[in-house]
Protein backbone atom coordinates (compact mmCIF):
# COMPACT_ATOMS: atom_id res chain seq x y z
CA MET A 1 -94.21 104.30 -23.47
CA PRO A 2 -93.81 102.11 -20.34
CA LEU A 3 -93.02 103.87 -17.05
CA ALA A 4 -91.77 100.70 -15.30
CA THR A 5 -88.53 100.82 -13.59
CA HIS A 6 -88.09 97.23 -13.00
CA GLU A 7 -88.44 94.02 -15.03
CA ALA A 8 -89.63 90.80 -13.68
CA THR A 9 -87.55 87.68 -14.47
CA ASP A 10 -89.43 85.35 -16.66
CA ARG A 11 -87.45 82.28 -15.59
CA GLU A 12 -86.25 81.47 -12.11
CA LEU A 13 -84.66 78.08 -12.60
CA PRO A 14 -81.11 77.43 -11.50
CA PRO A 15 -78.40 78.14 -14.12
CA GLY A 16 -78.45 75.47 -16.82
CA LEU A 17 -82.07 74.25 -16.03
CA ALA A 18 -83.77 77.06 -17.76
CA GLY A 19 -84.25 76.51 -21.44
CA SER A 20 -85.33 78.94 -24.17
CA ALA A 21 -88.95 80.01 -23.96
CA ASP A 22 -89.13 80.58 -27.71
CA GLY A 23 -88.03 77.24 -29.13
CA ALA A 24 -89.79 73.92 -28.96
CA PRO A 25 -89.67 72.06 -25.62
CA TRP A 26 -87.82 69.10 -27.11
CA ALA A 27 -85.24 71.35 -28.83
CA ALA A 28 -84.59 73.29 -25.69
CA ALA A 29 -84.32 70.04 -23.67
CA LEU A 30 -81.58 68.74 -26.05
CA GLN A 31 -79.32 71.81 -25.30
CA PRO A 32 -78.52 71.31 -21.58
CA GLY A 33 -76.13 73.61 -19.91
CA TRP A 34 -73.51 72.83 -17.45
CA GLY A 35 -76.04 73.17 -14.55
CA ALA A 36 -78.25 70.59 -16.14
CA LEU A 37 -75.33 68.31 -16.73
CA GLY A 38 -74.19 68.67 -13.20
CA ALA A 39 -77.73 67.97 -11.96
CA ALA A 40 -77.81 64.87 -14.10
CA VAL A 41 -74.48 63.57 -12.61
CA ALA A 42 -75.74 64.18 -9.07
CA VAL A 43 -79.05 62.41 -9.72
CA GLY A 44 -77.46 59.50 -11.35
CA ILE A 45 -74.92 58.97 -8.54
CA ALA A 46 -77.67 59.36 -5.96
CA LEU A 47 -79.91 56.78 -7.65
CA ALA A 48 -76.71 54.42 -7.94
CA PHE A 49 -76.28 54.61 -4.22
CA TYR A 50 -80.03 54.01 -3.57
CA SER A 51 -79.81 50.87 -5.79
CA GLY A 52 -76.87 49.61 -3.70
CA ALA A 53 -74.26 49.69 -6.42
CA PRO A 54 -71.35 50.55 -4.13
CA LEU A 55 -72.41 48.08 -1.54
CA HIS A 56 -72.86 45.16 -3.89
CA PRO A 57 -71.06 42.02 -2.78
CA SER A 58 -69.25 41.60 -6.17
CA ALA A 59 -68.53 45.37 -6.48
CA ARG A 60 -64.94 46.67 -6.62
CA LEU A 61 -63.87 50.16 -6.08
CA SER A 62 -62.33 50.34 -9.52
CA GLN A 63 -65.78 49.47 -11.09
CA LEU A 64 -67.71 52.28 -9.30
CA PRO A 65 -66.87 54.88 -11.97
CA ALA A 66 -68.32 52.65 -14.70
CA ALA A 67 -71.43 51.98 -12.53
CA TRP A 68 -71.87 55.58 -11.78
CA THR A 69 -71.49 56.60 -15.42
CA MET A 70 -74.15 54.12 -16.45
CA ALA A 71 -76.46 55.41 -13.78
CA VAL A 72 -76.05 58.96 -15.10
CA LEU A 73 -76.78 57.80 -18.68
CA GLN A 74 -79.61 55.51 -17.66
CA PHE A 75 -81.54 57.72 -15.22
CA GLY A 76 -79.72 61.01 -14.39
CA LEU A 77 -79.68 62.65 -17.86
CA PRO A 78 -83.09 61.36 -18.95
CA LEU A 79 -84.67 62.56 -15.71
CA VAL A 80 -83.22 66.12 -16.00
CA LEU A 81 -84.18 66.41 -19.63
CA ALA A 82 -87.60 65.11 -19.07
CA LEU A 83 -88.10 67.64 -16.32
CA ARG A 84 -87.02 70.42 -18.67
CA VAL A 85 -89.51 69.23 -21.23
CA ALA A 86 -92.25 69.08 -18.63
CA ASP A 87 -91.28 72.71 -17.38
CA HIS A 88 -91.67 74.10 -21.01
CA ALA A 89 -94.93 72.24 -21.46
CA VAL A 90 -96.32 73.68 -18.17
CA GLU A 91 -94.98 77.19 -19.18
CA ARG A 92 -97.13 76.84 -22.25
CA GLY A 93 -100.29 76.12 -20.47
CA ARG A 94 -100.27 72.25 -20.37
CA SER A 95 -101.52 70.48 -17.30
CA ALA A 96 -98.80 70.11 -14.66
CA LEU A 97 -100.21 66.86 -13.55
CA LEU A 98 -99.93 65.25 -17.04
CA ALA A 99 -96.58 66.95 -17.80
CA TYR A 100 -94.74 65.87 -14.59
CA GLY A 101 -96.77 62.61 -14.41
CA ALA A 102 -95.29 61.47 -17.72
CA VAL A 103 -91.79 61.99 -16.44
CA LEU A 104 -91.68 58.71 -14.44
CA PRO A 105 -92.65 56.20 -17.20
CA LEU A 106 -90.58 58.08 -19.73
CA VAL A 107 -87.45 57.91 -17.58
CA ILE A 108 -87.91 54.20 -16.73
CA LEU A 109 -88.58 53.45 -20.47
CA VAL A 110 -85.43 55.36 -21.61
CA GLY A 111 -83.45 53.82 -18.75
CA ALA A 112 -84.45 50.34 -19.81
CA PHE A 113 -83.27 50.94 -23.39
CA VAL A 114 -79.98 52.43 -22.28
CA ILE A 115 -78.71 49.35 -20.52
CA TRP A 116 -80.15 46.98 -23.09
CA ARG A 117 -77.96 45.17 -25.59
CA PRO A 118 -76.15 48.22 -27.06
CA PHE A 119 -74.54 49.10 -23.67
CA TRP A 120 -74.23 45.68 -22.20
CA PRO A 121 -70.51 45.37 -22.69
CA TRP A 122 -70.05 48.35 -20.49
CA LEU A 123 -72.32 47.20 -17.63
CA PRO A 124 -70.56 46.34 -14.26
CA PRO A 125 -69.75 42.57 -13.99
CA TRP A 126 -71.98 42.06 -11.01
CA GLY A 127 -75.12 43.30 -13.03
CA TYR A 128 -75.57 40.44 -15.58
CA SER A 129 -72.74 38.06 -15.37
CA THR A 130 -72.10 36.64 -18.79
CA ARG A 131 -75.17 37.26 -20.91
CA PRO A 132 -76.84 40.51 -22.03
CA PRO A 133 -79.91 41.34 -20.10
CA SER A 134 -83.32 40.94 -21.81
CA LEU A 135 -85.63 43.88 -22.35
CA LEU A 136 -87.87 42.70 -19.53
CA GLU A 137 -84.93 42.56 -17.14
CA CYS A 138 -84.02 46.06 -18.01
CA PHE A 139 -87.54 47.30 -17.33
CA GLY A 140 -87.36 45.33 -13.99
CA GLU A 141 -84.07 46.95 -13.21
CA GLY A 142 -85.56 50.54 -13.84
CA SER A 143 -88.79 49.92 -12.08
CA ARG A 144 -86.97 49.33 -8.83
CA LEU A 145 -86.20 53.01 -8.75
CA TRP A 146 -89.72 54.23 -9.20
CA LEU A 147 -90.15 55.34 -5.51
CA PRO A 148 -87.13 57.81 -5.36
CA ILE A 149 -87.86 59.03 -8.84
CA THR A 150 -91.32 59.70 -8.03
CA LEU A 151 -90.64 61.54 -4.82
CA GLY A 152 -87.98 63.62 -6.58
CA VAL A 153 -90.33 64.61 -9.41
CA VAL A 154 -93.11 65.50 -6.90
CA ALA A 155 -90.71 67.63 -4.94
CA TYR A 156 -89.41 69.27 -8.00
CA ALA A 157 -92.82 69.92 -9.44
CA HIS A 158 -93.96 71.38 -6.03
CA TRP A 159 -90.87 73.66 -5.97
CA ARG A 160 -91.50 74.85 -9.55
CA GLN A 161 -95.18 75.48 -8.97
CA ALA A 162 -94.25 77.63 -5.98
CA GLN A 163 -91.80 79.55 -8.10
CA ARG A 164 -94.46 80.16 -10.77
CA SER A 165 -96.88 81.35 -8.13
CA GLN A 166 -94.28 83.82 -6.75
CA ARG A 167 -93.48 85.07 -10.30
CA ARG A 168 -97.15 85.67 -11.03
CA ILE A 169 -97.60 87.62 -7.66
CA ALA A 170 -94.41 89.64 -8.55
CA GLN A 171 -95.77 90.33 -12.17
CA ARG A 172 -99.18 91.44 -10.60
CA ARG A 173 -97.44 93.81 -8.19
CA LEU A 174 -95.33 95.06 -10.97
CA GLN A 175 -98.38 95.77 -13.12
CA ARG A 176 -100.06 97.53 -10.23
CA ALA A 177 -96.95 99.72 -9.66
CA GLN A 178 -96.85 100.50 -13.37
CA CYS A 179 -100.43 101.61 -13.28
CA HIS A 180 -99.91 103.65 -10.25
CA GLN A 181 -96.89 105.39 -11.94
CA GLN A 182 -98.89 106.07 -15.16
CA MET A 183 -101.68 107.50 -13.05
CA GLN A 184 -99.21 109.75 -11.18
CA ALA A 185 -97.53 110.84 -14.41
CA ALA A 186 -100.95 111.64 -15.81
CA GLN A 187 -101.83 113.67 -12.83
CA LEU A 188 -98.62 115.61 -12.95
CA LEU A 189 -99.12 116.29 -16.63
CA ALA A 190 -102.67 117.56 -15.96
CA LEU A 191 -101.36 119.78 -13.28
CA GLN A 192 -98.48 121.04 -15.46
CA ALA A 193 -101.08 121.82 -18.23
CA ARG A 194 -102.80 124.30 -16.05
CA VAL A 195 -101.68 127.71 -17.17
CA GLU A 196 -100.88 130.26 -14.47
CA PRO A 197 -103.65 132.90 -14.81
CA GLN A 198 -101.36 135.65 -14.05
CA LEU A 199 -98.93 134.53 -16.71
CA LEU A 200 -101.67 134.14 -19.32
CA PHE A 201 -103.20 137.46 -18.47
CA GLU A 202 -99.89 139.36 -18.51
CA THR A 203 -98.88 137.72 -21.85
CA LEU A 204 -102.12 138.56 -23.50
CA GLN A 205 -101.89 142.09 -22.29
CA HIS A 206 -98.47 142.39 -23.65
CA VAL A 207 -99.54 141.13 -27.03
CA THR A 208 -102.39 143.68 -27.05
CA ARG A 209 -99.91 146.56 -26.39
CA LEU A 210 -97.42 145.26 -28.93
CA ALA A 211 -100.24 145.08 -31.59
CA ASP A 212 -100.32 148.79 -31.76
CA THR A 213 -96.67 149.49 -31.78
CA ASP A 214 -94.89 146.30 -33.16
CA PRO A 215 -97.30 144.00 -34.93
CA ALA A 216 -94.46 141.56 -35.84
CA ALA A 217 -93.40 141.33 -32.23
CA ALA A 218 -96.89 140.74 -31.08
CA GLU A 219 -97.40 137.96 -33.52
CA ALA A 220 -94.18 136.34 -32.55
CA LEU A 221 -95.08 136.50 -28.79
CA LEU A 222 -98.48 134.99 -29.59
CA ASP A 223 -96.74 132.25 -31.43
CA ASP A 224 -94.58 131.63 -28.47
CA LEU A 225 -97.59 131.51 -26.18
CA ILE A 226 -99.22 128.95 -28.46
CA ALA A 227 -95.97 126.88 -28.43
CA LEU A 228 -95.99 127.03 -24.62
CA LEU A 229 -99.52 125.88 -24.41
CA ARG A 230 -98.93 122.97 -26.72
CA ALA A 231 -95.67 121.98 -24.88
CA MET A 232 -97.82 121.96 -21.60
CA LEU A 233 -100.61 119.85 -22.98
CA PRO A 234 -100.23 116.05 -22.57
CA GLU A 235 -99.79 113.93 -25.69
CA SER A 236 -102.58 111.37 -26.37
CA ASP A 237 -100.16 108.52 -27.24
CA GLN A 238 -97.77 109.07 -24.25
CA PRO A 239 -98.88 108.53 -20.60
CA GLY A 240 -95.82 110.47 -19.34
CA SER A 241 -93.24 113.08 -20.26
CA THR A 242 -89.80 112.79 -21.70
CA VAL A 243 -86.59 114.71 -21.49
CA GLU A 244 -86.95 116.37 -24.89
CA ARG A 245 -90.51 117.34 -23.98
CA GLU A 246 -89.34 118.98 -20.69
CA PHE A 247 -86.57 120.68 -22.60
CA ALA A 248 -89.06 122.10 -25.10
CA LEU A 249 -91.26 123.30 -22.29
CA VAL A 250 -88.32 125.21 -20.64
CA ARG A 251 -87.49 126.87 -23.97
CA ALA A 252 -91.18 127.74 -24.64
CA TYR A 253 -91.66 129.13 -21.07
CA ALA A 254 -88.47 131.18 -21.38
CA ARG A 255 -89.58 132.72 -24.79
CA VAL A 256 -93.04 133.64 -23.44
CA THR A 257 -91.71 135.20 -20.05
CA GLY A 258 -88.64 136.75 -21.67
CA ASP A 259 -86.46 135.12 -19.11
CA THR A 260 -82.96 135.32 -20.68
CA ALA A 261 -81.49 133.11 -17.93
CA LEU A 262 -83.45 130.30 -19.43
CA LEU A 263 -82.51 131.03 -23.00
CA PRO A 264 -79.12 130.44 -24.87
CA PRO A 265 -76.51 131.43 -24.01
CA GLY A 266 -77.82 131.76 -20.51
CA LEU A 267 -78.95 128.16 -20.49
CA VAL A 268 -77.65 125.23 -22.61
CA LEU A 269 -79.69 122.05 -22.74
CA ASN A 270 -77.78 118.92 -23.95
CA SER A 271 -78.94 115.32 -24.39
CA THR A 272 -78.17 112.34 -26.47
CA PRO A 273 -80.97 111.00 -28.80
CA ASP A 274 -81.58 108.10 -26.44
CA ALA A 275 -81.67 110.19 -23.33
CA GLY A 276 -84.01 112.66 -25.01
CA ARG A 277 -86.53 109.99 -25.47
CA ALA A 278 -86.20 108.61 -21.95
CA THR A 279 -89.07 109.11 -19.38
CA LEU A 280 -88.68 112.14 -17.08
CA ALA A 281 -91.30 113.09 -14.42
CA PRO A 282 -93.11 116.46 -15.21
CA MET A 283 -92.68 119.46 -13.08
CA VAL A 284 -89.13 118.74 -11.98
CA LEU A 285 -86.75 120.41 -14.37
CA LEU A 286 -88.59 123.74 -14.97
CA PRO A 287 -89.18 124.55 -11.20
CA LEU A 288 -85.50 123.79 -10.56
CA LEU A 289 -84.34 126.14 -13.28
CA ARG A 290 -86.71 128.85 -12.27
CA ALA A 291 -85.29 128.74 -8.87
CA LEU A 292 -81.90 129.39 -10.40
CA ALA A 293 -83.06 132.19 -12.83
CA PRO A 294 -82.67 135.09 -10.29
CA ALA A 295 -78.97 134.28 -9.82
CA GLY A 296 -77.79 137.19 -11.93
CA SER A 297 -75.78 136.72 -15.05
CA ALA A 298 -74.66 133.21 -14.38
CA ALA A 299 -74.88 130.76 -17.19
CA TRP A 300 -76.17 127.17 -16.71
CA GLN A 301 -76.10 123.91 -18.57
CA VAL A 302 -78.16 120.73 -18.27
CA ASP A 303 -76.61 117.43 -19.51
CA ALA A 304 -78.81 114.33 -19.87
CA GLU A 305 -77.42 110.98 -20.66
CA LEU A 306 -78.22 107.30 -20.23
CA THR A 307 -75.88 105.32 -17.95
CA PRO A 308 -74.15 102.17 -19.06
CA ALA A 309 -76.30 98.97 -19.65
CA ALA A 310 -74.65 97.40 -16.69
CA ALA A 311 -76.40 99.73 -14.43
CA PRO A 312 -79.03 101.28 -16.77
CA GLY A 313 -80.61 104.59 -15.93
CA LEU A 314 -81.06 108.29 -16.78
CA GLN A 315 -78.95 111.03 -15.23
CA LEU A 316 -79.37 114.80 -15.62
CA ARG A 317 -76.76 117.14 -14.30
CA LEU A 318 -77.38 120.92 -13.81
CA ARG A 319 -74.36 122.91 -13.26
CA ALA A 320 -72.92 126.42 -13.73
CA ARG A 321 -71.05 126.66 -17.04
CA PRO A 322 -67.31 127.07 -16.62
CA PRO A 323 -65.73 129.10 -15.42
CA ALA A 324 -68.31 128.93 -12.57
CA SER A 325 -68.26 132.13 -10.40
CA PRO A 326 -68.50 131.97 -6.57
CA GLY A 327 -72.02 133.60 -6.92
CA ALA A 328 -73.15 130.77 -9.34
CA LEU A 329 -71.89 128.02 -7.04
CA ALA A 330 -73.59 129.80 -4.12
CA ALA A 331 -76.89 129.88 -6.03
CA LEU A 332 -76.66 126.23 -6.82
CA ARG A 333 -76.33 125.42 -3.00
CA ARG A 334 -79.26 127.70 -2.12
CA VAL A 335 -81.69 125.67 -4.35
CA ALA A 336 -82.97 123.37 -1.75
CA GLY A 337 -85.91 123.04 0.74
CA PRO A 338 -89.35 123.17 -0.92
CA VAL A 339 -87.95 122.93 -4.53
CA GLN A 340 -85.88 119.88 -3.83
CA ALA A 341 -88.58 118.20 -1.83
CA GLN A 342 -91.36 118.80 -4.39
CA ALA A 343 -89.00 117.54 -7.22
CA GLN A 344 -88.13 114.41 -5.08
CA ALA A 345 -91.79 113.66 -4.57
CA HIS A 346 -92.58 113.94 -8.27
CA LEU A 347 -89.63 111.73 -9.15
CA VAL A 348 -90.56 109.11 -6.65
CA ALA A 349 -94.22 109.06 -7.85
CA VAL A 350 -93.30 108.46 -11.45
CA HIS A 351 -90.04 106.56 -11.34
CA GLY A 352 -90.07 104.72 -7.95
CA ALA A 353 -88.22 104.93 -4.74
CA GLY A 354 -84.81 104.67 -6.54
CA ALA A 355 -85.11 108.02 -8.19
CA ARG A 356 -83.49 110.96 -6.55
CA ILE A 357 -82.48 114.62 -6.77
CA ALA A 358 -79.40 115.68 -4.83
CA LEU A 359 -76.78 118.28 -4.69
CA VAL A 360 -73.33 117.03 -5.44
CA ASP A 361 -70.94 119.52 -3.80
CA THR A 362 -67.24 118.58 -4.00
CA ASP A 363 -64.07 120.53 -4.45
CA ALA A 364 -63.82 119.45 -8.01
CA ASP A 365 -67.50 120.13 -9.08
CA THR A 366 -70.84 121.45 -7.72
CA HIS A 367 -74.00 120.45 -9.52
CA TRP A 368 -77.54 119.15 -9.05
CA LEU A 369 -77.97 115.50 -10.02
CA ILE A 370 -81.30 113.93 -11.08
CA ASP A 371 -80.65 110.24 -11.00
CA ILE A 372 -83.39 107.74 -12.29
CA PRO A 373 -82.25 104.14 -12.32
CA ASN A 374 -83.50 101.47 -14.74
CA THR A 375 -84.69 103.82 -17.30
CA HIS A 376 -83.31 102.28 -20.58
CA ALA A 377 -86.75 100.32 -20.95
CA ALA A 378 -88.54 103.58 -20.84
CA SER A 379 -87.37 104.63 -24.24
CA PRO A 380 -89.91 103.89 -26.95
CA ASP A 381 -87.36 102.00 -29.18
CA ARG A 382 -86.13 99.68 -26.46
C-alpha cells in the first residue's frame, strides 16, 4: 500500500501537444488536440512570413489567407505531428538524436508532396504562374526553409529534454520521500507494537486472579489480550497502518483495559469502506482518545471519510456525541499541548507536511479534525 501523498505528472507538454502514452506513436500523432492545431497554424504562418509570402511583389492582401493556409498544410501541421511522433519515440527509449533528426527531412518531404499537383490549383498565383510545379521544384521550395525548421526542432528538442530531466528529478525525489515515509511508518508501527510492561503485567495478574473465581471471564480477558497483541503487531504485507486497523486497535485496547469510555456506547467509530482502507499514521488516534477518556460520562464519536476527488484526502472528526454537554466541550478543548504536538509529528512523518491535526472550535460545532490530503491513492484498490 503506497504511502505517497503526491503523484508526479507523467507528461508536461502544453495542452494538445501531449498524446496518449499507451497507444502507438503514429496513432497518437493523428489525434491532435486544439493546442496542436493552434501550434500548427502559428508555425505555418511564421514560416510563410519567413519565406516572404506577404512581401512578394505579386502578392495581394486578399490572397494572403490562401497562402497562409497552404503554409499550415505544407509545413505547420506536418512539423507539429512529426514532433509528436518524435516525443513518443523518445519516451519509449529511442534515441533523441535520431527521433528529432528525422523530423526535418520528413517535414520537407511531406511539404513537397502537399504542394505538388493535387494542390496546385489552390496555390497563390505568384507561386507558379500557369503550370503546376514539378516534384523537384516542390522539394526546392521546401528546402529553402530548412534553417528555421532546424532551429525550431533543435530548440523544441532541448526544451523537451530539459522537461524530461526535471521530471526524472521530481520522480526520484518522490521515490525518496515515499521510502522515507514508509520507514517512518514502519518505525511508528514497531514503537506501537511495544507492549507497556505495566499493562501486560497487570492484565496477566488479573487473568490469574479470575482463573480461580471466574474461568470464563479469565479466558475472555486472555482472548482480548491476544487480540490486542495481534492488533499491535505490524502486518507483513502492509508497510503502514490503516483507519480500520487503528479502529480495531482502539477496541482491543479498551476491552483489555476495561475502559468503558472507549467502548460502545461510550465511543462510536464510523468509517466508509474506502476510508477504512485509507492510510493513517500509527499512534495518532489512540493517544487522542486516551486523553479524552477521563472526561467522565461523555460519549464520543469518530467519523472517517474520504473527501471528494476534486480535493482528494482523508478526514477524521472526533466530537462529543449530541447533545454535547459543556463538560464534554471543555474536555475537547483541553486536549492539546504534548498530545497534539506528538500526533502532528506522526502525521507529518507518514503523510507529509500537508497533514495536520487541529481543534475546530466554532459556535456551531467543536471537534478535533485530522486532515490528510491526497490520500485516495493510499487505498489498496485505487
